[in-house]
Amino acid sequence: MSKILTVTFDGSVLRPDIPPDLEPNKRYVISIVSEDISSSQIKATDMWDVLEDLTETVDAPEDWAS
């Protein structure tokens, strides 16, 4: 399962901007990325969108055998 949540850190607790759809009393592993962006710049994404954003075009010959 993968989810992207936006949160605010109040100095001691991370508070989600919207209630997350998570199972209570279950442990989760999170990754923290600090970004200075406004909520209007955040787009809803799924894993395919994330992969698309991370991939780039490779300049290569038409025939890789050459």
N, C-alpha and C. Protein backbone atom coordinates (compact mmCIF):
# COMPACT_ATOMS: atom_id res chain seq x y z
N MET A 1 0.85 -1.17 0.00
CA MET A 1 0.00 0.00 0.00
C MET A 1 0.90 1.24 0.00
N SER A 2 0.53 2.23 -0.77
CA SER A 2 1.27 3.47 -0.82
C SER A 2 0.28 4.62 -0.84
N LYS A 3 0.51 5.60 0.01
CA LYS A 3 -0.34 6.79 0.08
C LYS A 3 0.53 8.02 0.16
N ILE A 4 0.07 9.10 -0.39
CA ILE A 4 0.75 10.39 -0.24
C ILE A 4 -0.17 11.28 0.57
N LEU A 5 0.35 11.74 1.71
CA LEU A 5 -0.41 12.62 2.58
C LEU A 5 0.36 13.92 2.77
N THR A 6 -0.35 15.02 2.86
CA THR A 6 0.29 16.27 3.24
C THR A 6 -0.02 16.48 4.71
N VAL A 7 1.00 16.89 5.45
CA VAL A 7 0.86 17.06 6.90
C VAL A 7 1.48 18.38 7.32
N THR A 8 1.14 18.81 8.52
CA THR A 8 1.74 19.98 9.14
C THR A 8 2.38 19.52 10.45
N PHE A 9 3.62 19.93 10.69
CA PHE A 9 4.31 19.60 11.93
C PHE A 9 4.12 20.77 12.89
N ASP A 10 3.49 20.53 14.04
CA ASP A 10 3.21 21.60 14.99
C ASP A 10 4.30 21.78 16.04
N GLY A 11 5.43 21.13 15.84
CA GLY A 11 6.52 21.21 16.79
C GLY A 11 6.72 19.92 17.55
N SER A 12 5.69 19.10 17.62
CA SER A 12 5.83 17.81 18.29
C SER A 12 5.05 16.70 17.60
N VAL A 13 4.04 17.04 16.81
CA VAL A 13 3.18 16.03 16.19
C VAL A 13 2.95 16.38 14.72
N LEU A 14 2.96 15.35 13.87
CA LEU A 14 2.58 15.53 12.47
C LEU A 14 1.08 15.43 12.37
N ARG A 15 0.42 16.45 11.85
CA ARG A 15 -1.04 16.45 11.73
C ARG A 15 -1.42 16.44 10.24
N PRO A 16 -2.13 15.40 9.80
CA PRO A 16 -2.53 15.32 8.39
C PRO A 16 -3.53 16.43 8.04
N ASP A 17 -3.42 16.93 6.82
CA ASP A 17 -4.35 17.97 6.35
C ASP A 17 -5.76 17.42 6.20
N ILE A 18 -5.88 16.15 5.83
CA ILE A 18 -7.19 15.49 5.75
C ILE A 18 -7.07 14.17 6.51
N PRO A 19 -8.16 13.64 7.06
CA PRO A 19 -8.08 12.39 7.79
C PRO A 19 -7.61 11.25 6.88
N PRO A 20 -6.54 10.56 7.27
CA PRO A 20 -6.06 9.45 6.43
C PRO A 20 -6.93 8.22 6.59
N ASP A 21 -7.03 7.45 5.53
CA ASP A 21 -7.79 6.21 5.55
C ASP A 21 -6.84 5.09 5.95
N LEU A 22 -6.49 5.04 7.24
CA LEU A 22 -5.55 4.06 7.75
C LEU A 22 -6.19 3.26 8.87
N GLU A 23 -5.71 2.03 9.02
CA GLU A 23 -6.23 1.16 10.07
C GLU A 23 -5.65 1.60 11.42
N PRO A 24 -6.51 1.85 12.43
CA PRO A 24 -6.01 2.28 13.74
C PRO A 24 -5.19 1.20 14.42
N ASN A 25 -4.28 1.62 15.29
CA ASN A 25 -3.43 0.73 16.09
C ASN A 25 -2.57 -0.21 15.26
N LYS A 26 -2.21 0.23 14.07
CA LYS A 26 -1.32 -0.53 13.20
C LYS A 26 -0.09 0.33 12.93
N ARG A 27 1.07 -0.29 12.91
CA ARG A 27 2.30 0.46 12.67
C ARG A 27 2.49 0.70 11.16
N TYR A 28 3.00 1.87 10.80
CA TYR A 28 3.26 2.23 9.42
C TYR A 28 4.68 2.77 9.31
N VAL A 29 5.27 2.64 8.16
CA VAL A 29 6.57 3.23 7.86
C VAL A 29 6.31 4.44 7.00
N ILE A 30 6.90 5.59 7.37
CA ILE A 30 6.66 6.81 6.60
C ILE A 30 7.97 7.37 6.07
N SER A 31 7.88 8.15 5.03
CA SER A 31 9.01 8.87 4.47
C SER A 31 8.66 10.35 4.51
N ILE A 32 9.57 11.16 5.03
CA ILE A 32 9.32 12.60 5.17
C ILE A 32 10.10 13.35 4.10
N VAL A 33 9.41 14.17 3.32
CA VAL A 33 10.05 15.01 2.31
C VAL A 33 9.59 16.44 2.57
N SER A 34 10.53 17.33 2.81
CA SER A 34 10.19 18.72 3.07
C SER A 34 10.13 19.47 1.75
N GLU A 35 8.98 20.04 1.47
CA GLU A 35 8.80 20.82 0.25
C GLU A 35 8.09 22.11 0.60
N ASP A 36 8.57 23.17 0.04
CA ASP A 36 7.90 24.46 0.23
C ASP A 36 6.96 24.69 -0.94
N ILE A 37 5.79 24.08 -0.86
CA ILE A 37 4.80 24.23 -1.91
C ILE A 37 3.46 24.55 -1.28
N SER A 38 2.63 25.24 -2.02
CA SER A 38 1.30 25.54 -1.52
C SER A 38 0.36 24.39 -1.87
N SER A 39 -0.75 24.30 -1.19
CA SER A 39 -1.69 23.20 -1.44
C SER A 39 -2.26 23.26 -2.85
N SER A 40 -2.25 24.43 -3.49
CA SER A 40 -2.77 24.52 -4.85
C SER A 40 -1.82 23.86 -5.84
N GLN A 41 -0.55 23.66 -5.46
CA GLN A 41 0.42 23.04 -6.35
C GLN A 41 0.44 21.52 -6.21
N ILE A 42 -0.25 20.97 -5.21
CA ILE A 42 -0.26 19.54 -4.98
C ILE A 42 -1.30 18.89 -5.87
N LYS A 43 -0.89 17.89 -6.62
CA LYS A 43 -1.84 17.18 -7.47
C LYS A 43 -2.03 15.77 -6.93
N ALA A 44 -3.21 15.27 -7.11
CA ALA A 44 -3.49 13.90 -6.68
C ALA A 44 -2.70 12.97 -7.59
N THR A 45 -1.95 12.05 -6.98
CA THR A 45 -1.14 11.15 -7.78
C THR A 45 -1.33 9.72 -7.32
N ASP A 46 -1.04 8.82 -8.23
CA ASP A 46 -0.94 7.42 -7.86
C ASP A 46 0.48 7.00 -8.20
N MET A 47 0.80 5.77 -7.96
CA MET A 47 2.17 5.31 -8.15
C MET A 47 2.64 5.46 -9.59
N TRP A 48 1.76 5.28 -10.56
CA TRP A 48 2.15 5.45 -11.96
C TRP A 48 2.55 6.89 -12.25
N ASP A 49 1.84 7.87 -11.65
CA ASP A 49 2.21 9.27 -11.84
C ASP A 49 3.58 9.56 -11.24
N VAL A 50 3.85 8.98 -10.08
CA VAL A 50 5.15 9.18 -9.44
C VAL A 50 6.26 8.60 -10.31
N LEU A 51 6.06 7.38 -10.82
CA LEU A 51 7.06 6.77 -11.70
C LEU A 51 7.27 7.58 -12.97
N GLU A 52 6.20 8.08 -13.53
CA GLU A 52 6.31 8.90 -14.74
C GLU A 52 7.12 10.16 -14.47
N ASP A 53 6.91 10.79 -13.30
CA ASP A 53 7.66 11.99 -12.94
C ASP A 53 9.15 11.70 -12.73
N LEU A 54 9.47 10.48 -12.30
CA LEU A 54 10.86 10.13 -12.01
C LEU A 54 11.63 9.66 -13.23
N THR A 55 10.92 9.25 -14.29
CA THR A 55 11.61 8.74 -15.47
C THR A 55 11.96 9.87 -16.42
N GLU A 56 13.01 9.63 -17.19
CA GLU A 56 13.44 10.62 -18.16
C GLU A 56 13.66 9.93 -19.51
N THR A 57 13.80 10.71 -20.54
CA THR A 57 14.08 10.18 -21.87
C THR A 57 15.57 9.91 -21.98
N VAL A 58 15.90 8.76 -22.54
CA VAL A 58 17.31 8.40 -22.74
C VAL A 58 17.65 8.63 -24.19
N ASP A 59 18.68 9.43 -24.45
CA ASP A 59 19.15 9.63 -25.81
C ASP A 59 20.03 8.43 -26.17
N ALA A 60 19.59 7.67 -27.15
CA ALA A 60 20.30 6.47 -27.53
C ALA A 60 20.11 6.23 -29.03
N PRO A 61 20.96 5.41 -29.61
CA PRO A 61 20.79 5.10 -31.04
C PRO A 61 19.51 4.32 -31.27
N GLU A 62 18.97 4.41 -32.49
CA GLU A 62 17.76 3.66 -32.81
C GLU A 62 17.99 2.18 -32.66
N ASP A 63 19.14 1.72 -33.08
CA ASP A 63 19.49 0.31 -32.96
C ASP A 63 20.50 0.17 -31.83
N TRP A 64 20.08 -0.37 -30.70
CA TRP A 64 20.97 -0.48 -29.54
C TRP A 64 22.12 -1.45 -29.78
N ALA A 65 22.03 -2.25 -30.83
CA ALA A 65 23.11 -3.20 -31.12
C ALA A 65 24.34 -2.50 -31.68
N SER A 66 24.16 -1.28 -32.19
CA SER A 66 25.33 -0.62 -32.81
C SER A 66 26.20 0.08 -31.78
